């Protein structure tokens, strides 16, 4: 990333990928990429299912990751409770 070309106002989410790290449980790790080469990492909490995060991918693409509160409010109604909300937790970390 070139700091001279970094413009938070025009930052957009371009991809969200997940890999699973196997240990005593499977730990889904989220990577959110942007159009300016900035990325963030997060972990789906409580060794939750990767699908609990991936279901938000289409809703996040094209959005500005600096609008964390707005993105959280957009996802929250679909979250469920307990481990079902682990995807949002990981996404929030990655933002």
PDB file of N, CA and C in Angstrom:
ATOM      1  N   UNK A   1       0.839  -1.178   0.000  1.00  0.00           N
ATOM      2  CA  UNK A   1       0.000   0.000   0.000  1.00  0.00           C
ATOM      3  C   UNK A   1       0.884   1.240   0.000  1.00  0.00           C
ATOM      4  N   UNK A   2       0.593   2.158  -0.870  1.00  0.00           N
ATOM      5  CA  UNK A   2       1.300   3.424  -0.944  1.00  0.00           C
ATOM      6  C   UNK A   2       0.520   4.456  -0.135  1.00  0.00           C
ATOM      7  N   UNK A   3       1.125   4.995   0.920  1.00  0.00           N
ATOM      8  CA  UNK A   3       0.427   5.943   1.790  1.00  0.00           C
ATOM      9  C   UNK A   3      -0.053   7.173   1.033  1.00  0.00           C
ATOM     10  N   UNK A   4       0.656   7.560  -0.013  1.00  0.00           N
ATOM     11  CA  UNK A   4       0.269   8.743  -0.775  1.00  0.00           C
ATOM     12  C   UNK A   4      -1.053   8.529  -1.503  1.00  0.00           C
ATOM     13  N   UNK A   5      -1.373   7.293  -1.841  1.00  0.00           N
ATOM     14  CA  UNK A   5      -2.603   6.998  -2.569  1.00  0.00           C
ATOM     15  C   UNK A   5      -3.733   6.518  -1.671  1.00  0.00           C
ATOM     16  N   UNK A   6      -3.500   6.456  -0.362  1.00  0.00           N
ATOM     17  CA  UNK A   6      -4.520   5.973   0.557  1.00  0.00           C
ATOM     18  C   UNK A   6      -5.585   7.041   0.766  1.00  0.00           C
ATOM     19  N   UNK A   7      -6.830   6.672   0.538  1.00  0.00           N
ATOM     20  CA  UNK A   7      -7.947   7.605   0.664  1.00  0.00           C
ATOM     21  C   UNK A   7      -9.102   6.895   1.366  1.00  0.00           C
ATOM     22  N   UNK A   8      -9.224   7.045   2.698  1.00  0.00           N
ATOM     23  CA  UNK A   8     -10.254   6.318   3.446  1.00  0.00           C
ATOM     24  C   UNK A   8     -11.678   6.586   2.962  1.00  0.00           C
ATOM     25  N   UNK A   9     -11.926   7.748   2.404  1.00  0.00           N
ATOM     26  CA  UNK A   9     -13.273   8.081   1.938  1.00  0.00           C
ATOM     27  C   UNK A   9     -13.701   7.154   0.801  1.00  0.00           C
ATOM     28  N   UNK A  10     -12.750   6.757  -0.039  1.00  0.00           N
ATOM     29  CA  UNK A  10     -13.062   5.920  -1.196  1.00  0.00           C
ATOM     30  C   UNK A  10     -12.681   4.451  -0.995  1.00  0.00           C
ATOM     31  N   UNK A  11     -12.432   4.063   0.236  1.00  0.00           N
ATOM     32  CA  UNK A  11     -12.083   2.683   0.560  1.00  0.00           C
ATOM     33  C   UNK A  11     -13.321   1.801   0.395  1.00  0.00           C
ATOM     34  N   UNK A  12     -13.180   0.678  -0.289  1.00  0.00           N
ATOM     35  CA  UNK A  12     -14.300  -0.240  -0.528  1.00  0.00           C
ATOM     36  C   UNK A  12     -13.860  -1.677  -0.280  1.00  0.00           C
ATOM     37  N   UNK A  13     -14.752  -2.475   0.273  1.00  0.00           N
ATOM     38  CA  UNK A  13     -14.490  -3.898   0.464  1.00  0.00           C
ATOM     39  C   UNK A  13     -14.623  -4.587  -0.889  1.00  0.00           C
ATOM     40  N   UNK A  14     -13.587  -5.327  -1.271  1.00  0.00           N
ATOM     41  CA  UNK A  14     -13.594  -6.009  -2.566  1.00  0.00           C
ATOM     42  C   UNK A  14     -13.696  -7.527  -2.443  1.00  0.00           C
ATOM     43  N   UNK A  15     -13.351  -8.072  -1.277  1.00  0.00           N
ATOM     44  CA  UNK A  15     -13.412  -9.523  -1.125  1.00  0.00           C
ATOM     45  C   UNK A  15     -13.422  -9.886   0.354  1.00  0.00           C
ATOM     46  N   UNK A  16     -13.982 -11.039   0.639  1.00  0.00           N
ATOM     47  CA  UNK A  16     -13.924 -11.610   1.977  1.00  0.00           C
ATOM     48  C   UNK A  16     -13.663 -13.099   1.802  1.00  0.00           C
ATOM     49  N   UNK A  17     -12.583 -13.557   2.407  1.00  0.00           N
ATOM     50  CA  UNK A  17     -12.202 -14.967   2.305  1.00  0.00           C
ATOM     51  C   UNK A  17     -12.040 -15.549   3.695  1.00  0.00           C
ATOM     52  N   UNK A  18     -12.162 -16.861   3.761  1.00  0.00           N
ATOM     53  CA  UNK A  18     -12.021 -17.541   5.044  1.00  0.00           C
ATOM     54  C   UNK A  18     -11.152 -18.774   4.868  1.00  0.00           C
ATOM     55  N   UNK A  19     -10.234 -18.951   5.800  1.00  0.00           N
ATOM     56  CA  UNK A  19      -9.501 -20.214   5.882  1.00  0.00           C
ATOM     57  C   UNK A  19      -9.790 -20.792   7.264  1.00  0.00           C
ATOM     58  N   UNK A  20      -9.678 -22.077   7.380  1.00  0.00           N
ATOM     59  CA  UNK A  20      -9.963 -22.733   8.653  1.00  0.00           C
ATOM     60  C   UNK A  20      -8.671 -23.323   9.196  1.00  0.00           C
ATOM     61  N   UNK A  21      -8.324 -22.908  10.400  1.00  0.00           N
ATOM     62  CA  UNK A  21      -7.147 -23.429  11.082  1.00  0.00           C
ATOM     63  C   UNK A  21      -7.621 -24.552  11.995  1.00  0.00           C
ATOM     64  N   UNK A  22      -7.105 -25.743  11.770  1.00  0.00           N
ATOM     65  CA  UNK A  22      -7.510 -26.895  12.567  1.00  0.00           C
ATOM     66  C   UNK A  22      -6.637 -27.044  13.800  1.00  0.00           C
ATOM     67  N   UNK A  23      -7.265 -27.270  14.912  1.00  0.00           N
ATOM     68  CA  UNK A  23      -6.576 -27.494  16.176  1.00  0.00           C
ATOM     69  C   UNK A  23      -7.477 -28.423  16.979  1.00  0.00           C
ATOM     70  N   UNK A  24      -7.661 -28.137  18.252  1.00  0.00           N
ATOM     71  CA  UNK A  24      -8.624 -28.929  19.012  1.00  0.00           C
ATOM     72  C   UNK A  24     -10.046 -28.677  18.509  1.00  0.00           C
ATOM     73  N   UNK A  25     -10.260 -27.519  17.885  1.00  0.00           N
ATOM     74  CA  UNK A  25     -11.483 -27.167  17.168  1.00  0.00           C
ATOM     75  C   UNK A  25     -11.056 -26.554  15.846  1.00  0.00           C
ATOM     76  N   UNK A  26     -12.002 -26.340  14.954  1.00  0.00           N
ATOM     77  CA  UNK A  26     -11.706 -25.595  13.733  1.00  0.00           C
ATOM     78  C   UNK A  26     -11.921 -24.115  14.018  1.00  0.00           C
ATOM     79  N   UNK A  27     -10.938 -23.290  13.644  1.00  0.00           N
ATOM     80  CA  UNK A  27     -11.010 -21.857  13.884  1.00  0.00           C
ATOM     81  C   UNK A  27     -11.046 -21.119  12.550  1.00  0.00           C
ATOM     82  N   UNK A  28     -12.215 -20.640  12.128  1.00  0.00           N
ATOM     83  CA  UNK A  28     -12.305 -19.892  10.875  1.00  0.00           C
ATOM     84  C   UNK A  28     -11.673 -18.501  11.029  1.00  0.00           C
ATOM     85  N   UNK A  29     -10.752 -18.189  10.137  1.00  0.00           N
ATOM     86  CA  UNK A  29     -10.090 -16.887  10.108  1.00  0.00           C
ATOM     87  C   UNK A  29     -10.589 -16.140   8.875  1.00  0.00           C
ATOM     88  N   UNK A  30     -11.062 -14.923   9.080  1.00  0.00           N
ATOM     89  CA  UNK A  30     -11.628 -14.094   8.015  1.00  0.00           C
ATOM     90  C   UNK A  30     -10.582 -13.103   7.536  1.00  0.00           C
ATOM     91  N   UNK A  31     -10.540 -12.903   6.235  1.00  0.00           N
ATOM     92  CA  UNK A  31      -9.719 -11.837   5.657  1.00  0.00           C
ATOM     93  C   UNK A  31     -10.637 -10.976   4.801  1.00  0.00           C
ATOM     94  N   UNK A  32     -10.659  -9.677   5.094  1.00  0.00           N
ATOM     95  CA  UNK A  32     -11.428  -8.719   4.309  1.00  0.00           C
ATOM     96  C   UNK A  32     -10.436  -7.845   3.557  1.00  0.00           C
ATOM     97  N   UNK A  33     -10.552  -7.826   2.222  1.00  0.00           N
ATOM     98  CA  UNK A  33      -9.668  -7.042   1.359  1.00  0.00           C
ATOM     99  C   UNK A  33     -10.383  -5.798   0.851  1.00  0.00           C
ATOM    100  N   UNK A  34      -9.583  -4.773   0.527  1.00  0.00           N
ATOM    101  CA  UNK A  34     -10.147  -3.528   0.002  1.00  0.00           C
ATOM    102  C   UNK A  34      -9.500  -3.158  -1.329  1.00  0.00           C
ATOM    103  N   UNK A  35     -10.102  -2.187  -1.971  1.00  0.00           N
ATOM    104  CA  UNK A  35      -9.613  -1.704  -3.264  1.00  0.00           C
ATOM    105  C   UNK A  35      -8.294  -0.945  -3.160  1.00  0.00           C
ATOM    106  N   UNK A  36      -7.839  -0.640  -1.953  1.00  0.00           N
ATOM    107  CA  UNK A  36      -6.598   0.108  -1.790  1.00  0.00           C
ATOM    108  C   UNK A  36      -5.488  -0.736  -1.166  1.00  0.00           C
ATOM    109  N   UNK A  37      -5.670  -2.041  -1.160  1.00  0.00           N
ATOM    110  CA  UNK A  37      -4.632  -2.934  -0.657  1.00  0.00           C
ATOM    111  C   UNK A  37      -4.607  -3.102   0.849  1.00  0.00           C
ATOM    112  N   UNK A  38      -5.524  -2.464   1.542  1.00  0.00           N
ATOM    113  CA  UNK A  38      -5.624  -2.609   2.989  1.00  0.00           C
ATOM    114  C   UNK A  38      -6.478  -3.845   3.265  1.00  0.00           C
ATOM    115  N   UNK A  39      -6.075  -4.648   4.242  1.00  0.00           N
ATOM    116  CA  UNK A  39      -6.885  -5.811   4.597  1.00  0.00           C
ATOM    117  C   UNK A  39      -6.940  -5.946   6.108  1.00  0.00           C
ATOM    118  N   UNK A  40      -7.935  -6.689   6.565  1.00  0.00           N
ATOM    119  CA  UNK A  40      -8.076  -6.938   7.991  1.00  0.00           C
ATOM    120  C   UNK A  40      -8.340  -8.410   8.238  1.00  0.00           C
ATOM    121  N   UNK A  41      -7.989  -8.864   9.433  1.00  0.00           N
ATOM    122  CA  UNK A  41      -8.170 -10.261   9.817  1.00  0.00           C
ATOM    123  C   UNK A  41      -9.029 -10.352  11.068  1.00  0.00           C
ATOM    124  N   UNK A  42      -9.838 -11.389  11.136  1.00  0.00           N
ATOM    125  CA  UNK A  42     -10.668 -11.629  12.311  1.00  0.00           C
ATOM    126  C   UNK A  42     -10.922 -13.117  12.462  1.00  0.00           C
ATOM    127  N   UNK A  43     -11.380 -13.513  13.626  1.00  0.00           N
ATOM    128  CA  UNK A  43     -11.661 -14.924  13.908  1.00  0.00           C
ATOM    129  C   UNK A  43     -13.126 -15.082  14.284  1.00  0.00           C
ATOM    130  N   UNK A  44     -13.787 -16.056  13.655  1.00  0.00           N
ATOM    131  CA  UNK A  44     -15.160 -16.371  14.035  1.00  0.00           C
ATOM    132  C   UNK A  44     -15.114 -16.911  15.459  1.00  0.00           C
ATOM    133  N   UNK A  45     -15.844 -16.284  16.345  1.00  0.00           N
ATOM    134  CA  UNK A  45     -15.716 -16.604  17.773  1.00  0.00           C
ATOM    135  C   UNK A  45     -16.249 -17.978  18.130  1.00  0.00           C
ATOM    136  N   UNK A  46     -15.770 -18.485  19.234  1.00  0.00           N
ATOM    137  CA  UNK A  46     -16.203 -19.775  19.790  1.00  0.00           C
ATOM    138  C   UNK A  46     -16.053 -20.922  18.804  1.00  0.00           C
ATOM    139  N   UNK A  47     -15.056 -20.850  17.951  1.00  0.00           N
ATOM    140  CA  UNK A  47     -14.848 -21.900  16.947  1.00  0.00           C
ATOM    141  C   UNK A  47     -16.135 -22.155  16.169  1.00  0.00           C
ATOM    142  N   UNK A  48     -16.802 -21.060  15.813  1.00  0.00           N
ATOM    143  CA  UNK A  48     -18.068 -21.161  15.081  1.00  0.00           C
ATOM    144  C   UNK A  48     -17.874 -21.628  13.649  1.00  0.00           C
ATOM    145  N   UNK A  49     -18.943 -21.655  12.913  1.00  0.00           N
ATOM    146  CA  UNK A  49     -18.906 -22.134  11.533  1.00  0.00           C
ATOM    147  C   UNK A  49     -18.571 -20.991  10.587  1.00  0.00           C
ATOM    148  N   UNK A  50     -17.769 -21.282   9.577  1.00  0.00           N
ATOM    149  CA  UNK A  50     -17.371 -20.251   8.617  1.00  0.00           C
ATOM    150  C   UNK A  50     -18.572 -19.679   7.876  1.00  0.00           C
ATOM    151  N   UNK A  51     -19.611 -20.486   7.707  1.00  0.00           N
ATOM    152  CA  UNK A  51     -20.812 -20.022   7.009  1.00  0.00           C
ATOM    153  C   UNK A  51     -21.500 -18.879   7.747  1.00  0.00           C
ATOM    154  N   UNK A  52     -21.285 -18.795   9.065  1.00  0.00           N
ATOM    155  CA  UNK A  52     -21.910 -17.715   9.827  1.00  0.00           C
ATOM    156  C   UNK A  52     -21.313 -16.361   9.462  1.00  0.00           C
ATOM    157  N   UNK A  53     -20.146 -16.350   8.845  1.00  0.00           N
ATOM    158  CA  UNK A  53     -19.545 -15.107   8.356  1.00  0.00           C
ATOM    159  C   UNK A  53     -19.766 -14.948   6.855  1.00  0.00           C
ATOM    160  N   UNK A  54     -19.619 -16.037   6.112  1.00  0.00           N
ATOM    161  CA  UNK A  54     -19.725 -15.955   4.653  1.00  0.00           C
ATOM    162  C   UNK A  54     -21.093 -15.482   4.175  1.00  0.00           C
ATOM    163  N   UNK A  55     -22.127 -15.686   4.981  1.00  0.00           N
ATOM    164  CA  UNK A  55     -23.461 -15.266   4.554  1.00  0.00           C
ATOM    165  C   UNK A  55     -23.571 -13.748   4.416  1.00  0.00           C
ATOM    166  N   UNK A  56     -22.612 -13.001   4.951  1.00  0.00           N
ATOM    167  CA  UNK A  56     -22.634 -11.539   4.860  1.00  0.00           C
ATOM    168  C   UNK A  56     -21.793 -10.987   3.711  1.00  0.00           C
ATOM    169  N   UNK A  57     -21.078 -11.842   3.031  1.00  0.00           N
ATOM    170  CA  UNK A  57     -20.152 -11.378   1.996  1.00  0.00           C
ATOM    171  C   UNK A  57     -20.841 -10.485   0.966  1.00  0.00           C
ATOM    172  N   UNK A  58     -21.941 -10.919   0.416  1.00  0.00           N
ATOM    173  CA  UNK A  58     -22.632 -10.134  -0.616  1.00  0.00           C
ATOM    174  C   UNK A  58     -23.094  -8.778  -0.082  1.00  0.00           C
ATOM    175  N   UNK A  59     -23.450  -8.722   1.190  1.00  0.00           N
ATOM    176  CA  UNK A  59     -23.898  -7.462   1.792  1.00  0.00           C
ATOM    177  C   UNK A  59     -22.733  -6.501   2.033  1.00  0.00           C
ATOM    178  N   UNK A  60     -21.521  -7.042   2.202  1.00  0.00           N
ATOM    179  CA  UNK A  60     -20.358  -6.216   2.528  1.00  0.00           C
ATOM    180  C   UNK A  60     -19.610  -5.697   1.299  1.00  0.00           C
ATOM    181  N   UNK A  61     -19.635  -6.456   0.214  1.00  0.00           N
ATOM    182  CA  UNK A  61     -18.874  -6.053  -0.974  1.00  0.00           C
ATOM    183  C   UNK A  61     -19.314  -4.670  -1.453  1.00  0.00           C
ATOM    184  N   UNK A  62     -18.325  -3.824  -1.711  1.00  0.00           N
ATOM    185  CA  UNK A  62     -18.593  -2.470  -2.187  1.00  0.00           C
ATOM    186  C   UNK A  62     -18.806  -1.448  -1.086  1.00  0.00           C
ATOM    187  N   UNK A  63     -18.901  -1.903   0.159  1.00  0.00           N
ATOM    188  CA  UNK A  63     -19.121  -0.986   1.287  1.00  0.00           C
ATOM    189  C   UNK A  63     -17.786  -0.465   1.817  1.00  0.00           C
ATOM    190  N   UNK A  64     -17.850   0.687   2.486  1.00  0.00           N
ATOM    191  CA  UNK A  64     -16.662   1.281   3.089  1.00  0.00           C
ATOM    192  C   UNK A  64     -16.425   0.631   4.457  1.00  0.00           C
ATOM    193  N   UNK A  65     -15.278  -0.021   4.667  1.00  0.00           N
ATOM    194  CA  UNK A  65     -15.034  -0.721   5.928  1.00  0.00           C
ATOM    195  C   UNK A  65     -14.823   0.204   7.123  1.00  0.00           C
ATOM    196  N   UNK A  66     -14.649   1.494   6.885  1.00  0.00           N
ATOM    197  CA  UNK A  66     -14.493   2.406   8.020  1.00  0.00           C
ATOM    198  C   UNK A  66     -15.829   2.725   8.682  1.00  0.00           C
ATOM    199  N   UNK A  67     -16.927   2.359   8.046  1.00  0.00           N
ATOM    200  CA  UNK A  67     -18.261   2.576   8.612  1.00  0.00           C
ATOM    201  C   UNK A  67     -18.660   1.355   9.447  1.00  0.00           C
ATOM    202  N   UNK A  68     -17.907   1.088  10.487  1.00  0.00           N
ATOM    203  CA  UNK A  68     -18.093  -0.128  11.278  1.00  0.00           C
ATOM    204  C   UNK A  68     -19.481  -0.174  11.917  1.00  0.00           C
ATOM    205  N   UNK A  69     -19.927   0.918  12.505  1.00  0.00           N
ATOM    206  CA  UNK A  69     -21.247   0.920  13.149  1.00  0.00           C
ATOM    207  C   UNK A  69     -22.361   0.663  12.142  1.00  0.00           C
ATOM    208  N   UNK A  70     -22.288   1.293  10.985  1.00  0.00           N
ATOM    209  CA  UNK A  70     -23.306   1.091   9.961  1.00  0.00           C
ATOM    210  C   UNK A  70     -23.331  -0.340   9.452  1.00  0.00           C
ATOM    211  N   UNK A  71     -22.159  -0.915   9.248  1.00  0.00           N
ATOM    212  CA  UNK A  71     -22.087  -2.300   8.778  1.00  0.00           C
ATOM    213  C   UNK A  71     -22.603  -3.265   9.850  1.00  0.00           C
ATOM    214  N   UNK A  72     -22.257  -2.996  11.100  1.00  0.00           N
ATOM    215  CA  UNK A  72     -22.737  -3.849  12.190  1.00  0.00           C
ATOM    216  C   UNK A  72     -24.261  -3.811  12.265  1.00  0.00           C
ATOM    217  N   UNK A  73     -24.828  -2.623  12.184  1.00  0.00           N
ATOM    218  CA  UNK A  73     -26.295  -2.490  12.247  1.00  0.00           C
ATOM    219  C   UNK A  73     -26.972  -3.174  11.062  1.00  0.00           C
ATOM    220  N   UNK A  74     -26.321  -3.164   9.915  1.00  0.00           N
ATOM    221  CA  UNK A  74     -26.870  -3.818   8.731  1.00  0.00           C
ATOM    222  C   UNK A  74     -26.884  -5.344   8.913  1.00  0.00           C
ATOM    223  N   UNK A  75     -25.856  -5.892   9.569  1.00  0.00           N
ATOM    224  CA  UNK A  75     -25.754  -7.342   9.752  1.00  0.00           C
ATOM    225  C   UNK A  75     -26.527  -7.852  10.962  1.00  0.00           C
ATOM    226  N   UNK A  76     -26.645  -7.045  11.982  1.00  0.00           N
ATOM    227  CA  UNK A  76     -27.196  -7.474  13.270  1.00  0.00           C
ATOM    228  C   UNK A  76     -28.565  -8.164  13.191  1.00  0.00           C
ATOM    229  N   UNK A  77     -29.516  -7.672  12.398  1.00  0.00           N
ATOM    230  CA  UNK A  77     -30.825  -8.341  12.370  1.00  0.00           C
ATOM    231  C   UNK A  77     -30.775  -9.796  11.889  1.00  0.00           C
ATOM    232  N   UNK A  78     -29.721 -10.176  11.191  1.00  0.00           N
ATOM    233  CA  UNK A  78     -29.599 -11.527  10.642  1.00  0.00           C
ATOM    234  C   UNK A  78     -28.706 -12.426  11.494  1.00  0.00           C
ATOM    235  N   UNK A  79     -28.235 -11.924  12.623  1.00  0.00           N
ATOM    236  CA  UNK A  79     -27.170 -12.591  13.373  1.00  0.00           C
ATOM    237  C   UNK A  79     -27.606 -13.806  14.167  1.00  0.00           C
ATOM    238  N   UNK A  80     -28.750 -13.782  14.761  1.00  0.00           N
ATOM    239  CA  UNK A  80     -29.095 -14.848  15.687  1.00  0.00           C
ATOM    240  C   UNK A  80     -28.409 -14.589  17.021  1.00  0.00           C
ATOM    241  N   UNK A  81     -28.195 -15.640  17.787  1.00  0.00           N
ATOM    242  CA  UNK A  81     -27.543 -15.475  19.084  1.00  0.00           C
ATOM    243  C   UNK A  81     -26.528 -16.595  19.295  1.00  0.00           C
ATOM    244  N   UNK A  82     -25.698 -16.428  20.297  1.00  0.00           N
ATOM    245  CA  UNK A  82     -24.679 -17.433  20.594  1.00  0.00           C
ATOM    246  C   UNK A  82     -23.704 -17.594  19.442  1.00  0.00           C
ATOM    247  N   UNK A  83     -23.397 -18.829  19.115  1.00  0.00           N
ATOM    248  CA  UNK A  83     -22.436 -19.099  18.042  1.00  0.00           C
ATOM    249  C   UNK A  83     -22.921 -18.621  16.684  1.00  0.00           C
ATOM    250  N   UNK A  84     -24.218 -18.476  16.521  1.00  0.00           N
ATOM    251  CA  UNK A  84     -24.752 -17.994  15.250  1.00  0.00           C
ATOM    252  C   UNK A  84     -24.271 -16.583  14.946  1.00  0.00           C
ATOM    253  N   UNK A  85     -23.950 -15.819  15.975  1.00  0.00           N
ATOM    254  CA  UNK A  85     -23.479 -14.451  15.760  1.00  0.00           C
ATOM    255  C   UNK A  85     -21.960 -14.374  15.683  1.00  0.00           C
ATOM    256  N   UNK A  86     -21.284 -15.507  15.721  1.00  0.00           N
ATOM    257  CA  UNK A  86     -19.826 -15.521  15.670  1.00  0.00           C
ATOM    258  C   UNK A  86     -19.263 -14.935  14.388  1.00  0.00           C
ATOM    259  N   UNK A  87     -20.012 -15.045  13.298  1.00  0.00           N
ATOM    260  CA  UNK A  87     -19.554 -14.475  12.032  1.00  0.00           C
ATOM    261  C   UNK A  87     -19.431 -12.971  12.100  1.00  0.00           C
ATOM    262  N   UNK A  88     -20.398 -12.326  12.717  1.00  0.00           N
ATOM    263  CA  UNK A  88     -20.348 -10.871  12.856  1.00  0.00           C
ATOM    264  C   UNK A  88     -19.167 -10.469  13.726  1.00  0.00           C
ATOM    265  N   UNK A  89     -18.912 -11.222  14.762  1.00  0.00           N
ATOM    266  CA  UNK A  89     -17.787 -10.932  15.642  1.00  0.00           C
ATOM    267  C   UNK A  89     -16.472 -10.938  14.862  1.00  0.00           C
ATOM    268  N   UNK A  90     -16.274 -11.960  14.036  1.00  0.00           N
ATOM    269  CA  UNK A  90     -15.055 -12.041  13.233  1.00  0.00           C
ATOM    270  C   UNK A  90     -14.958 -10.944  12.200  1.00  0.00           C
ATOM    271  N   UNK A  91     -16.079 -10.601  11.587  1.00  0.00           N
ATOM    272  CA  UNK A  91     -16.094  -9.525  10.595  1.00  0.00           C
ATOM    273  C   UNK A  91     -15.744  -8.203  11.260  1.00  0.00           C
ATOM    274  N   UNK A  92     -16.324  -7.969  12.425  1.00  0.00           N
ATOM    275  CA  UNK A  92     -16.046  -6.724  13.143  1.00  0.00           C
ATOM    276  C   UNK A  92     -14.561  -6.612  13.486  1.00  0.00           C
ATOM    277  N   UNK A  93     -13.935  -7.721  13.878  1.00  0.00           N
ATOM    278  CA  UNK A  93     -12.487  -7.706  14.143  1.00  0.00           C
ATOM    279  C   UNK A  93     -11.712  -7.355  12.875  1.00  0.00           C
ATOM    280  N   UNK A  94     -12.119  -7.936  11.758  1.00  0.00           N
ATOM    281  CA  UNK A  94     -11.401  -7.727  10.501  1.00  0.00           C
ATOM    282  C   UNK A  94     -11.552  -6.300   9.980  1.00  0.00           C
ATOM    283  N   UNK A  95     -12.654  -5.649  10.327  1.00  0.00           N
ATOM    284  CA  UNK A  95     -12.843  -4.270   9.882  1.00  0.00           C
ATOM    285  C   UNK A  95     -11.919  -3.347  10.642  1.00  0.00           C
TER     286      UNK A  95
END
